[in-house]
Protein backbone atom coordinates (compact mmCIF):
# COMPACT_ATOMS: atom_id res chain seq x y z
CA UNK A 1 21.40 -60.60 6.28
CA UNK A 2 20.44 -57.75 8.61
CA UNK A 3 20.63 -58.52 12.31
CA UNK A 4 17.19 -58.71 13.89
CA UNK A 5 16.25 -56.22 16.60
CA UNK A 6 15.47 -57.88 19.90
CA UNK A 7 14.77 -57.08 23.51
CA UNK A 8 15.05 -59.31 26.58
CA UNK A 9 12.22 -59.27 29.11
CA UNK A 10 12.15 -60.87 32.59
CA UNK A 11 10.67 -64.37 32.83
CA UNK A 12 7.05 -64.62 33.98
CA UNK A 13 4.58 -67.40 34.66
CA UNK A 14 3.22 -66.94 31.11
CA UNK A 15 6.58 -68.09 29.69
CA UNK A 16 5.93 -71.76 30.44
CA UNK A 17 4.47 -71.99 26.91
CA UNK A 18 7.75 -70.68 25.46
CA UNK A 19 9.71 -73.18 27.53
CA UNK A 20 7.61 -75.97 26.01
CA UNK A 21 8.31 -74.62 22.50
CA UNK A 22 12.08 -74.91 22.98
CA UNK A 23 11.78 -78.40 24.50
CA UNK A 24 12.11 -80.33 21.23
CA UNK A 25 14.57 -82.98 20.02
CA UNK A 26 16.04 -80.49 17.53
CA UNK A 27 16.52 -77.76 20.15
CA UNK A 28 17.82 -80.09 22.87
CA UNK A 29 20.06 -82.42 20.85
CA UNK A 30 23.28 -81.06 22.44
CA UNK A 31 21.99 -81.20 26.03
CA UNK A 32 20.56 -84.67 26.45
CA UNK A 33 17.23 -84.32 24.64
CA UNK A 34 13.82 -82.97 25.65
CA UNK A 35 12.73 -82.90 29.26
CA UNK A 36 9.55 -84.46 30.64
CA UNK A 37 6.62 -82.22 31.54
CA UNK A 38 7.49 -82.68 35.23
CA UNK A 39 11.10 -81.60 34.56
CA UNK A 40 9.87 -78.58 32.59
CA UNK A 41 7.63 -77.49 35.47
CA UNK A 42 10.57 -77.75 37.88
CA UNK A 43 12.76 -75.73 35.48
CA UNK A 44 10.05 -73.10 35.05
CA UNK A 45 9.70 -72.77 38.82
CA UNK A 46 13.46 -72.41 39.15
CA UNK A 47 13.49 -69.66 36.49
CA UNK A 48 10.71 -67.80 38.31
CA UNK A 49 12.70 -68.05 41.55
CA UNK A 50 16.04 -66.85 40.12
CA UNK A 51 15.51 -63.16 40.90
CA UNK A 52 13.73 -63.49 44.29
CA UNK A 53 16.42 -65.92 45.49
CA UNK A 54 19.29 -63.86 44.09
CA UNK A 55 20.55 -66.79 42.02
CA UNK A 56 20.32 -65.21 38.57
CA UNK A 57 17.82 -64.02 36.00
CA UNK A 58 15.98 -65.63 33.10
CA UNK A 59 14.57 -63.73 30.14
CA UNK A 60 12.40 -64.33 27.12
CA UNK A 61 13.87 -62.99 23.87
CA UNK A 62 11.41 -60.76 22.03
CA UNK A 63 11.76 -60.03 18.32
CA UNK A 64 10.88 -56.39 17.70
CA UNK A 65 9.11 -54.98 14.65
CA UNK A 66 11.37 -53.52 11.96
CA UNK A 67 9.66 -50.12 12.06
CA UNK A 68 12.09 -48.21 14.26
CA UNK A 69 12.48 -47.95 18.00
CA UNK A 70 9.85 -49.48 20.21
CA UNK A 71 8.55 -47.62 23.24
CA UNK A 72 10.29 -48.88 26.37
CA UNK A 73 13.24 -50.44 24.54
CA UNK A 74 16.46 -50.13 26.51
CA UNK A 75 19.79 -49.47 24.82
CA UNK A 76 21.25 -52.77 26.04
CA UNK A 77 18.19 -54.78 25.06
CA UNK A 78 16.73 -55.19 28.55
CA UNK A 79 13.23 -53.94 29.21
CA UNK A 80 10.33 -54.17 31.57
CA UNK A 81 7.86 -57.03 31.43
CA UNK A 82 5.13 -56.84 28.80
CA UNK A 83 3.81 -60.37 28.26
CA UNK A 84 0.82 -61.13 26.10
CA UNK A 85 -1.39 -64.21 26.30
CA UNK A 86 0.15 -65.77 23.15
CA UNK A 87 3.67 -65.85 24.63
CA UNK A 88 4.62 -62.67 22.78
CA UNK A 89 4.39 -59.13 23.99
CA UNK A 90 2.42 -56.10 23.00
CA UNK A 91 5.41 -55.01 20.90
CA UNK A 92 6.92 -58.23 19.57
CA UNK A 93 7.07 -62.01 19.33
CA UNK A 94 8.79 -64.27 21.89
CA UNK A 95 11.40 -66.22 19.90
CA UNK A 96 13.69 -67.70 22.54
CA UNK A 97 15.22 -67.68 26.00
CA UNK A 98 18.44 -66.43 27.56
CA UNK A 99 19.56 -66.18 31.15
CA UNK A 100 21.94 -67.17 33.88
CA UNK A 101 21.81 -69.06 37.14
CA UNK A 102 24.27 -69.89 39.92
CA UNK A 103 26.36 -73.04 40.21
CA UNK A 104 29.56 -74.29 41.78
CA UNK A 105 32.40 -74.71 39.28
CA UNK A 106 35.87 -75.88 40.30
CA UNK A 107 35.17 -75.00 43.94
CA UNK A 108 33.93 -71.48 43.19
CA UNK A 109 30.41 -70.04 43.01
CA UNK A 110 29.86 -68.69 39.49
CA UNK A 111 27.04 -67.87 37.12
CA UNK A 112 26.25 -70.06 34.11
CA UNK A 113 24.50 -68.68 31.02
CA UNK A 114 22.44 -70.47 28.40
CA UNK A 115 20.15 -69.54 25.50
CA UNK A 116 17.72 -70.98 22.96
CA UNK A 117 16.37 -69.42 19.77
CA UNK A 118 13.46 -71.09 17.99
CA UNK A 119 14.43 -72.70 14.65
CA UNK A 120 12.48 -70.31 12.43
CA UNK A 121 14.47 -67.39 13.85
CA UNK A 122 18.02 -68.78 13.91
CA UNK A 123 20.84 -67.37 11.79
CA UNK A 124 19.79 -63.73 12.22
CA UNK A 125 22.04 -62.70 15.12
CA UNK A 126 19.24 -63.00 17.69
CA UNK A 127 21.17 -65.25 20.09
CA UNK A 128 24.25 -63.01 19.99
CA UNK A 129 22.27 -59.80 20.54
CA UNK A 130 20.21 -61.31 23.35
CA UNK A 131 23.27 -62.85 25.00
CA UNK A 132 25.10 -59.52 24.91
CA UNK A 133 22.07 -57.88 26.55
CA UNK A 134 21.93 -60.59 29.23
CA UNK A 135 25.68 -60.22 29.90
CA UNK A 136 25.19 -56.45 30.27
CA UNK A 137 22.35 -57.08 32.74
CA UNK A 138 24.54 -59.56 34.65
CA UNK A 139 27.30 -56.93 34.91
CA UNK A 140 24.81 -54.70 36.73
CA UNK A 141 23.01 -57.31 38.83
CA UNK A 142 24.92 -60.59 39.22
CA UNK A 143 26.34 -61.46 42.62
CA UNK A 144 29.45 -63.29 41.43
CA UNK A 145 32.46 -62.27 39.36
CA UNK A 146 32.49 -64.91 36.65
CA UNK A 147 29.87 -65.88 34.10
CA UNK A 148 30.48 -69.14 32.21
CA UNK A 149 28.90 -70.92 29.27
CA UNK A 150 29.57 -74.58 28.49
CA UNK A 151 28.37 -75.41 24.96
CA UNK A 152 29.20 -78.85 23.60
CA UNK A 153 32.29 -78.98 21.38
CA UNK A 154 29.87 -80.44 18.79
CA UNK A 155 27.66 -77.31 18.83
CA UNK A 156 29.36 -74.78 16.53
CA UNK A 157 26.44 -72.34 16.63
CA UNK A 158 26.50 -71.91 20.41
CA UNK A 159 30.29 -71.68 20.46
CA UNK A 160 30.06 -68.92 17.83
CA UNK A 161 27.55 -67.07 20.04
CA UNK A 162 30.06 -67.15 22.91
CA UNK A 163 32.87 -65.79 20.72
CA UNK A 164 30.71 -63.00 19.25
CA UNK A 165 29.14 -62.07 22.61
CA UNK A 166 32.49 -61.36 24.28
CA UNK A 167 33.25 -64.57 26.18
CA UNK A 168 36.85 -65.79 26.45
CA UNK A 169 37.57 -69.44 25.63
CA UNK A 170 39.40 -71.11 28.52
CA UNK A 171 39.61 -74.56 26.92
CA UNK A 172 37.76 -77.87 26.86
CA UNK A 173 36.29 -79.64 29.85
CA UNK A 174 34.02 -82.51 30.87
CA UNK A 175 30.70 -80.95 31.79
CA UNK A 176 27.72 -82.62 33.45
CA UNK A 177 24.38 -81.65 31.92
CA UNK A 178 21.76 -82.77 32.53
CA UNK A 179 22.67 -84.46 35.85
CA UNK A 180 24.20 -87.86 35.18
CA UNK A 181 25.19 -87.07 31.57
CA UNK A 182 28.72 -85.89 30.81
CA UNK A 183 29.72 -84.18 27.60
CA UNK A 184 32.85 -82.63 26.17
CA UNK A 185 32.31 -78.87 26.31
CA UNK A 186 34.11 -75.64 25.71
CA UNK A 187 34.49 -73.52 28.84
CA UNK A 188 33.79 -69.89 27.95
CA UNK A 189 33.95 -67.11 30.55
CA UNK A 190 33.20 -63.42 31.05
CA UNK A 191 34.69 -61.47 33.94
CA UNK A 192 31.70 -59.39 35.01
CA UNK A 193 33.89 -57.03 37.02
CA UNK A 194 36.26 -56.21 34.16
CA UNK A 195 35.59 -53.08 32.13
CA UNK A 196 34.06 -53.81 28.74
């Protein structure tokens, strides 16, 4: 199957609808289940504050038309904001999320990355392409050296995304997510200061 063409676009207030679309039992089965509406609003506010606070960056993943290059498309997949009222953009459909925030891990301040691709669009390389684009953006903009991802050991799809997107597997660990819930995870890492 041909890999889908995607672009990542910075998170905006209009992306709350997309956040609700990924908040399903199927999408959240490896991370403790769906969040309440109150929790979603807090998460959305945190995503909006990532860039102004310097803590990271969240993006919507936009599926591009198959008819060649789209105006404004960047070579690494990052692009300027272009949200439409339906959660898509003028040039494509919003099909997921990808981004990174800041956390403390083993006594060090690091970035943590996560992603979601809506079920009807999975299996087409969208998560890998979008994650690579977000890693490239983090290399340019992130404040800290290391970028981690902690997918559950029981989530082969997300672990495959890490491997294909250039993360290095450091081993297994106990990881707390959401707060109060521990799971066995793989600890994947990218050194953002290393040459690609």
